[in-house]
Amino acid sequence: MTPQQRIRRDVLKENRLTEEGLAAMSPAERKAIEEEIAPIIAKRVKALEEEAKTKGKLIGLPSM
């Protein structure tokens, strides 16, 4: 599981949802949920990337 997939799983879990639950929703319901969680996931992925860059610089690894 990639870091992005883990973040998505965690955001869904925080909202008491699963991939299976999303798949069972109507297309309109699913779209509304996806639109709601997409910015949260993007923000967390960006924070994770920034953290990785910072840690890489701190220990002398090449930046990504």
N, C-alpha and C. Protein backbone atom coordinates (compact mmCIF):
# COMPACT_ATOMS: atom_id res chain seq x y z
N MET A 1 0.85 -1.17 0.00
CA MET A 1 0.00 0.00 0.00
C MET A 1 0.90 1.24 0.00
N THR A 2 0.62 2.15 -0.90
CA THR A 2 1.41 3.37 -0.99
C THR A 2 1.02 4.34 0.13
N PRO A 3 1.86 5.33 0.40
CA PRO A 3 1.49 6.33 1.40
C PRO A 3 0.16 7.02 1.05
N GLN A 4 -0.05 7.30 -0.23
CA GLN A 4 -1.29 7.94 -0.65
C GLN A 4 -2.50 7.04 -0.38
N GLN A 5 -2.34 5.75 -0.62
CA GLN A 5 -3.43 4.81 -0.35
C GLN A 5 -3.72 4.73 1.14
N ARG A 6 -2.67 4.75 1.96
CA ARG A 6 -2.88 4.72 3.41
C ARG A 6 -3.60 5.98 3.88
N ILE A 7 -3.22 7.12 3.32
CA ILE A 7 -3.89 8.37 3.69
C ILE A 7 -5.36 8.30 3.30
N ARG A 8 -5.65 7.83 2.10
CA ARG A 8 -7.04 7.71 1.65
C ARG A 8 -7.82 6.79 2.58
N ARG A 9 -7.23 5.63 2.90
CA ARG A 9 -7.88 4.69 3.81
C ARG A 9 -8.18 5.36 5.15
N ASP A 10 -7.20 6.11 5.67
CA ASP A 10 -7.37 6.76 6.96
C ASP A 10 -8.46 7.83 6.92
N VAL A 11 -8.50 8.62 5.84
CA VAL A 11 -9.53 9.66 5.71
C VAL A 11 -10.91 9.00 5.61
N LEU A 12 -11.01 7.94 4.83
CA LEU A 12 -12.28 7.24 4.74
C LEU A 12 -12.70 6.71 6.11
N LYS A 13 -11.75 6.11 6.83
CA LYS A 13 -12.05 5.55 8.15
C LYS A 13 -12.51 6.65 9.11
N GLU A 14 -11.85 7.80 9.06
CA GLU A 14 -12.24 8.93 9.92
C GLU A 14 -13.68 9.36 9.65
N ASN A 15 -14.12 9.13 8.42
CA ASN A 15 -15.49 9.49 8.04
C ASN A 15 -16.42 8.28 8.05
N ARG A 16 -15.97 7.23 8.72
CA ARG A 16 -16.75 5.99 8.86
C ARG A 16 -17.15 5.40 7.51
N LEU A 17 -16.18 5.41 6.58
CA LEU A 17 -16.41 4.87 5.25
C LEU A 17 -15.33 3.85 4.91
N THR A 18 -15.63 3.02 3.92
CA THR A 18 -14.65 2.08 3.36
C THR A 18 -14.74 2.16 1.85
N GLU A 19 -13.76 1.59 1.16
CA GLU A 19 -13.82 1.53 -0.31
C GLU A 19 -15.05 0.73 -0.74
N GLU A 20 -15.34 -0.32 0.02
CA GLU A 20 -16.51 -1.14 -0.31
C GLU A 20 -17.80 -0.34 -0.15
N GLY A 21 -17.85 0.46 0.91
CA GLY A 21 -19.02 1.30 1.13
C GLY A 21 -19.19 2.33 0.03
N LEU A 22 -18.07 2.90 -0.41
CA LEU A 22 -18.14 3.86 -1.52
C LEU A 22 -18.64 3.19 -2.78
N ALA A 23 -18.14 1.98 -3.04
CA ALA A 23 -18.54 1.27 -4.26
C ALA A 23 -20.03 0.95 -4.26
N ALA A 24 -20.61 0.80 -3.08
CA ALA A 24 -22.03 0.47 -2.98
C ALA A 24 -22.93 1.70 -3.12
N MET A 25 -22.35 2.89 -3.08
CA MET A 25 -23.14 4.12 -3.17
C MET A 25 -23.55 4.40 -4.61
N SER A 26 -24.54 5.24 -4.74
CA SER A 26 -24.92 5.69 -6.08
C SER A 26 -23.79 6.56 -6.63
N PRO A 27 -23.72 6.69 -7.93
CA PRO A 27 -22.67 7.54 -8.50
C PRO A 27 -22.69 8.97 -7.95
N ALA A 28 -23.86 9.52 -7.73
CA ALA A 28 -23.96 10.88 -7.21
C ALA A 28 -23.44 10.97 -5.78
N GLU A 29 -23.80 9.99 -4.94
CA GLU A 29 -23.32 9.98 -3.56
C GLU A 29 -21.80 9.83 -3.51
N ARG A 30 -21.31 8.90 -4.32
CA ARG A 30 -19.86 8.66 -4.36
C ARG A 30 -19.11 9.91 -4.81
N LYS A 31 -19.63 10.57 -5.83
CA LYS A 31 -18.98 11.79 -6.34
C LYS A 31 -18.93 12.85 -5.25
N ALA A 32 -20.01 13.01 -4.51
CA ALA A 32 -20.05 14.01 -3.44
C ALA A 32 -19.01 13.70 -2.37
N ILE A 33 -18.90 12.44 -1.99
CA ILE A 33 -17.91 12.04 -0.98
C ILE A 33 -16.50 12.25 -1.52
N GLU A 34 -16.25 11.83 -2.75
CA GLU A 34 -14.92 11.98 -3.36
C GLU A 34 -14.52 13.45 -3.41
N GLU A 35 -15.46 14.33 -3.76
CA GLU A 35 -15.17 15.76 -3.81
C GLU A 35 -14.89 16.32 -2.42
N GLU A 36 -15.53 15.76 -1.42
CA GLU A 36 -15.32 16.22 -0.04
C GLU A 36 -13.96 15.78 0.51
N ILE A 37 -13.55 14.56 0.21
CA ILE A 37 -12.32 14.05 0.80
C ILE A 37 -11.07 14.36 -0.03
N ALA A 38 -11.23 14.66 -1.31
CA ALA A 38 -10.07 14.90 -2.18
C ALA A 38 -9.14 16.00 -1.65
N PRO A 39 -9.67 17.16 -1.22
CA PRO A 39 -8.76 18.19 -0.72
C PRO A 39 -8.05 17.79 0.58
N ILE A 40 -8.72 17.01 1.40
CA ILE A 40 -8.11 16.54 2.65
C ILE A 40 -6.95 15.61 2.33
N ILE A 41 -7.17 14.69 1.41
CA ILE A 41 -6.13 13.75 1.01
C ILE A 41 -4.96 14.51 0.39
N ALA A 42 -5.25 15.45 -0.51
CA ALA A 42 -4.19 16.22 -1.17
C ALA A 42 -3.35 16.99 -0.16
N LYS A 43 -4.01 17.57 0.84
CA LYS A 43 -3.29 18.33 1.87
C LYS A 43 -2.36 17.42 2.66
N ARG A 44 -2.85 16.25 3.02
CA ARG A 44 -2.03 15.32 3.79
C ARG A 44 -0.87 14.75 2.98
N VAL A 45 -1.10 14.49 1.70
CA VAL A 45 -0.03 13.99 0.84
C VAL A 45 1.05 15.06 0.71
N LYS A 46 0.63 16.31 0.51
CA LYS A 46 1.60 17.41 0.40
C LYS A 46 2.41 17.54 1.69
N ALA A 47 1.75 17.45 2.83
CA ALA A 47 2.46 17.53 4.11
C ALA A 47 3.46 16.39 4.26
N LEU A 48 3.08 15.21 3.82
CA LEU A 48 3.96 14.05 3.89
C LEU A 48 5.19 14.25 2.98
N GLU A 49 4.95 14.80 1.79
CA GLU A 49 6.05 15.07 0.87
C GLU A 49 7.00 16.12 1.43
N GLU A 50 6.45 17.17 2.03
CA GLU A 50 7.27 18.21 2.63
C GLU A 50 8.09 17.65 3.79
N GLU A 51 7.47 16.80 4.58
CA GLU A 51 8.18 16.17 5.70
C GLU A 51 9.33 15.31 5.19
N ALA A 52 9.09 14.60 4.12
CA ALA A 52 10.14 13.74 3.54
C ALA A 52 11.30 14.59 3.02
N LYS A 53 11.00 15.71 2.39
CA LYS A 53 12.04 16.60 1.90
C LYS A 53 12.87 17.15 3.06
N THR A 54 12.19 17.57 4.12
CA THR A 54 12.87 18.12 5.28
C THR A 54 13.76 17.08 5.93
N LYS A 55 13.24 15.90 6.12
CA LYS A 55 14.03 14.83 6.74
C LYS A 55 15.23 14.47 5.88
N GLY A 56 15.03 14.45 4.57
CA GLY A 56 16.13 14.15 3.66
C GLY A 56 17.24 15.17 3.79
N LYS A 57 16.90 16.43 3.91
CA LYS A 57 17.89 17.49 4.04
C LYS A 57 18.59 17.41 5.39
N LEU A 58 17.85 17.03 6.41
CA LEU A 58 18.43 16.97 7.75
C LEU A 58 19.47 15.88 7.86
N ILE A 59 19.27 14.78 7.14
CA ILE A 59 20.23 13.69 7.28
C ILE A 59 21.14 13.57 6.05
N GLY A 60 21.09 14.58 5.19
CA GLY A 60 22.01 14.64 4.07
C GLY A 60 21.66 13.78 2.89
N LEU A 61 20.42 13.40 2.75
CA LEU A 61 20.00 12.63 1.58
C LEU A 61 19.62 13.58 0.47
N PRO A 62 19.73 13.13 -0.77
CA PRO A 62 19.32 13.99 -1.87
C PRO A 62 17.82 14.27 -1.78
N SER A 63 17.42 15.47 -2.15
CA SER A 63 16.00 15.80 -2.10
C SER A 63 15.27 15.09 -3.22
N MET A 64 13.96 14.87 -3.03
CA MET A 64 13.16 14.12 -4.00
C MET A 64 12.61 15.04 -5.05
